[in-house]
Structure formats: structure tokens, C-alpha cells
Amino acid sequence: MPRAYRAPVITLVLGGTRSGKSGYAEDLLPADAPVRYLATAARRPGDAEWDARLDAHRARRPAAWETVESPDVAALVRAGGGPLLVDDLATWVTGVLDDAGAWDAPTVPAQVGVRVAELVDAVAAAPGRVVLVSAEAGLGVVPATRSGRVFRDELGALNAALAAVADEVVLLVAGLVLRLK
């Protein structure tokens, strides 16, 4: 007997730079209903180009959506309260690595793993619809710097852990969607 279709609760949207991952993720949620949009990118004083990117993302969001800016993604996932879109986890990992002083440490500090585990556990137990956007940074060359390798490795580990608990995983390449799970 075929299993009944169940709409995905947790969707992980992966892709490279300018792959269309954010727009695809936004289209998964209703434009005319309340959605919490967790923007993980912070403004950078004096960086007009970065601010313009953030403004463009904000301008395309539907009016019914609430933008939340917080580094505590796990708490927002656990809180529930309607659909949540997190964009994006590569920026979140960068902040976690910054907070832990990982760039200059001889090994990645344990608190990075703790924060990642908290997020994965929260997503696995999410009480409602969650769409997560993350960069896929593992398809290129090995980064020439230690910090580049740390970022790539930690983001890759996070993506794999989230893919394991997600109902649906897609990869966008050149605007095309590849269903992985």
C-alpha cells in the first residue's frame, strides 16, 4: 500500500552564490500569511554594497512577513509560532566561528559544536514549518587558507547534520532545482 503524501515540515535549501536558493526558499511559503523571516546577516558599518544587498532581500519579502534579526536560530526554531524561514546558515556559521575565536585557534573550539548541535536538535524537534537556506561550499577547490578550510568544513558538517533531520533537501544550481531528499 502506498504511503500517504505528507507535506515537508523541514526543508533545507542548498546552493552556491547566486544560485537562486533564497528566492526558491521564499516561494515555498505563503506570501499572504504571516511568516517569520530570520535574517542572519548583520549590517556592516561603512559597507554600502552589503547594505544594498540586505535592502534588496528585505524589499522582496511580502508585507505579511516579519523580519527577525537574531543569532539565536535554535531558540526561534524551538519557539514555533508559524512558518519560519532562516536565510542563511553560512552567515550564521560565520558568526558562531567569530564568537568562538575559531579563526585563530589551533583547533575549532568545542563551543562551535555545541551551538551546531543545539540548532540541529531544535530543527529535528521543530513544532512547525521551517525552511532553512544554506550555502553549499564543498564543491570547489580546497581553500588556500586555514580560515577558509575551517569555514568550509564546519558549514559542510552543519549542512550534513541538517540534511539528516530534514524532510526535504534541495540543491539549486544555476537556478535549477535538484531534489536530493
Protein backbone atom coordinates (compact mmCIF):
# COMPACT_ATOMS: atom_id res chain seq x y z
CA MET A 1 0.00 0.00 0.00
CA PRO A 2 1.50 3.39 -0.95
CA ARG A 3 2.23 5.80 1.85
CA ALA A 4 0.10 8.92 2.03
CA TYR A 5 1.83 12.11 0.93
CA ARG A 6 2.87 14.36 3.79
CA ALA A 7 3.98 17.89 3.06
CA PRO A 8 7.52 18.52 4.28
CA VAL A 9 7.84 20.24 7.61
CA ILE A 10 11.59 20.87 7.45
CA THR A 11 13.13 21.87 4.12
CA LEU A 12 16.85 22.51 3.64
CA VAL A 13 17.65 24.58 0.55
CA LEU A 14 21.30 24.42 -0.50
CA GLY A 15 23.09 26.23 -3.28
CA GLY A 16 26.04 28.29 -4.32
CA THR A 17 26.28 32.03 -4.67
CA ARG A 18 23.54 33.46 -6.89
CA SER A 19 22.05 30.01 -7.45
CA GLY A 20 18.53 31.19 -6.63
CA LYS A 21 18.33 29.44 -3.26
CA SER A 22 16.84 32.37 -1.32
CA GLY A 23 14.15 33.10 -3.90
CA TYR A 24 13.27 29.41 -4.12
CA ALA A 25 13.01 29.16 -0.34
CA GLU A 26 10.79 32.24 -0.18
CA ASP A 27 8.46 30.74 -2.79
CA LEU A 28 7.90 27.68 -0.55
CA LEU A 29 5.97 29.81 1.95
CA PRO A 30 2.73 31.74 1.55
CA ALA A 31 3.15 35.36 0.52
CA ASP A 32 -0.19 36.38 2.04
CA ALA A 33 0.22 34.84 5.51
CA PRO A 34 2.47 35.61 8.46
CA VAL A 35 5.95 34.13 8.14
CA ARG A 36 8.91 34.87 10.39
CA TYR A 37 11.97 35.55 8.25
CA LEU A 38 15.13 35.13 10.28
CA ALA A 39 17.86 37.14 8.58
CA THR A 40 21.24 36.05 9.90
CA ALA A 41 23.29 38.72 8.11
CA ALA A 42 24.16 41.83 10.10
CA ARG A 43 24.77 45.28 8.72
CA ARG A 44 28.43 46.24 8.33
CA PRO A 45 29.17 49.88 9.10
CA GLY A 46 30.60 51.62 6.06
CA ASP A 47 29.81 48.79 3.61
CA ALA A 48 27.22 50.33 1.28
CA GLU A 49 27.30 47.39 -1.15
CA TRP A 50 26.49 44.91 1.65
CA ASP A 51 23.70 47.15 2.94
CA ALA A 52 22.24 47.32 -0.59
CA ARG A 53 22.18 43.51 -0.75
CA LEU A 54 20.37 43.32 2.59
CA ASP A 55 17.90 46.01 1.50
CA ALA A 56 17.16 44.14 -1.76
CA HIS A 57 16.40 40.94 0.17
CA ARG A 58 14.15 42.83 2.58
CA ALA A 59 12.30 44.66 -0.22
CA ARG A 60 11.26 41.46 -1.99
CA ARG A 61 9.71 39.92 1.13
CA PRO A 62 5.92 40.02 1.31
CA ALA A 63 4.38 42.65 3.59
CA ALA A 64 2.78 39.99 5.80
CA TRP A 65 6.21 38.62 6.75
CA GLU A 66 8.04 39.68 9.91
CA THR A 67 11.80 40.09 9.68
CA VAL A 68 13.71 38.93 12.74
CA GLU A 69 17.43 39.53 13.18
CA SER A 70 18.92 37.26 15.83
CA PRO A 71 21.91 34.94 16.11
CA ASP A 72 19.89 32.51 18.29
CA VAL A 73 18.40 30.46 15.47
CA ALA A 74 17.80 27.43 17.71
CA ALA A 75 15.59 29.42 20.09
CA LEU A 76 13.46 30.77 17.24
CA VAL A 77 13.05 27.29 15.75
CA ARG A 78 12.01 25.88 19.14
CA ALA A 79 9.55 28.74 19.70
CA GLY A 80 7.33 27.72 16.80
CA GLY A 81 4.56 30.20 16.09
CA GLY A 82 4.02 29.73 12.39
CA PRO A 83 6.29 29.21 9.42
CA LEU A 84 9.94 30.22 9.82
CA LEU A 85 12.43 30.89 7.03
CA VAL A 86 16.11 31.09 8.05
CA ASP A 87 18.37 32.79 5.49
CA ASP A 88 21.17 31.89 5.64
CA LEU A 89 23.15 29.40 7.69
CA ALA A 90 26.53 30.17 6.11
CA THR A 91 26.34 33.64 7.64
CA TRP A 92 25.19 32.10 10.94
CA VAL A 93 28.18 29.70 10.98
CA THR A 94 30.50 32.63 10.32
CA GLY A 95 29.09 34.38 13.39
CA VAL A 96 29.44 31.22 15.50
CA LEU A 97 33.07 30.87 14.39
CA ASP A 98 33.66 34.57 15.11
CA ASP A 99 32.13 34.30 18.60
CA ALA A 100 34.28 31.25 19.39
CA GLY A 101 37.52 32.81 18.16
CA ALA A 102 37.87 29.84 15.82
CA TRP A 103 39.78 31.68 13.10
CA ASP A 104 42.95 31.93 15.18
CA ALA A 105 42.54 28.89 17.45
CA PRO A 106 44.74 25.85 16.74
CA THR A 107 41.60 23.67 16.68
CA VAL A 108 37.94 24.53 16.36
CA PRO A 109 36.66 25.39 19.87
CA ALA A 110 34.13 22.96 21.37
CA GLN A 111 31.52 25.72 21.69
CA VAL A 112 31.12 25.65 17.89
CA GLY A 113 29.99 22.02 18.06
CA VAL A 114 27.69 22.84 20.97
CA ARG A 115 25.96 25.63 19.01
CA VAL A 116 25.64 23.45 15.91
CA ALA A 117 24.19 20.56 17.96
CA GLU A 118 21.69 22.92 19.60
CA LEU A 119 20.49 24.07 16.18
CA VAL A 120 20.26 20.57 14.72
CA ASP A 121 18.37 19.33 17.78
CA ALA A 122 15.96 22.27 17.56
CA VAL A 123 15.32 21.63 13.88
CA ALA A 124 14.79 17.90 14.48
CA ALA A 125 12.13 18.75 17.07
CA ALA A 126 10.65 21.77 15.28
CA PRO A 127 6.98 22.22 16.12
CA GLY A 128 6.10 23.67 12.72
CA ARG A 129 7.19 24.53 9.19
CA VAL A 130 10.85 25.55 8.87
CA VAL A 131 12.72 26.38 5.68
CA LEU A 132 16.50 26.67 6.04
CA VAL A 133 18.79 28.23 3.43
CA SER A 134 22.48 27.39 3.38
CA ALA A 135 25.39 27.71 1.03
CA GLU A 136 26.96 24.60 -0.44
CA ALA A 137 30.64 25.43 -0.13
CA GLY A 138 32.11 21.96 -0.60
CA LEU A 139 32.01 21.72 -4.38
CA GLY A 140 35.06 23.84 -5.14
CA VAL A 141 38.77 23.67 -4.57
CA VAL A 142 40.35 23.22 -1.16
CA PRO A 143 40.65 26.73 0.30
CA ALA A 144 44.21 28.06 0.46
CA THR A 145 43.82 29.46 3.98
CA ARG A 146 43.13 27.76 7.29
CA SER A 147 40.14 30.05 7.93
CA GLY A 148 38.67 29.10 4.56
CA ARG A 149 39.07 25.40 5.34
CA VAL A 150 37.56 25.82 8.82
CA PHE A 151 34.55 27.62 7.35
CA ARG A 152 34.06 25.05 4.58
CA ASP A 153 34.42 22.11 6.96
CA GLU A 154 32.11 23.49 9.67
CA LEU A 155 29.45 24.57 7.18
CA GLY A 156 29.65 21.20 5.43
CA ALA A 157 29.22 19.37 8.74
CA LEU A 158 26.22 21.56 9.64
CA ASN A 159 24.61 21.02 6.23
CA ALA A 160 25.06 17.24 6.52
CA ALA A 161 23.60 17.17 10.05
CA LEU A 162 20.60 19.26 8.98
CA ALA A 163 20.06 17.16 5.85
CA ALA A 164 19.84 14.08 8.07
CA VAL A 165 16.93 15.53 10.07
CA ALA A 166 15.18 17.43 7.24
CA ASP A 167 12.11 16.07 5.47
CA GLU A 168 13.22 17.56 2.18
CA VAL A 169 16.61 18.69 0.84
CA VAL A 170 17.09 20.51 -2.47
CA LEU A 171 20.17 21.85 -4.20
CA LEU A 172 19.97 24.78 -6.58
CA VAL A 173 22.49 25.03 -9.38
CA ALA A 174 22.19 27.80 -11.96
CA GLY A 175 18.61 28.37 -10.86
CA LEU A 176 17.68 24.73 -11.38
CA VAL A 177 16.35 22.60 -8.54
CA LEU A 178 17.80 19.19 -7.81
CA ARG A 179 15.81 17.18 -5.26
CA LEU A 180 18.22 15.31 -3.01
CA LYS A 181 15.79 14.05 -0.39
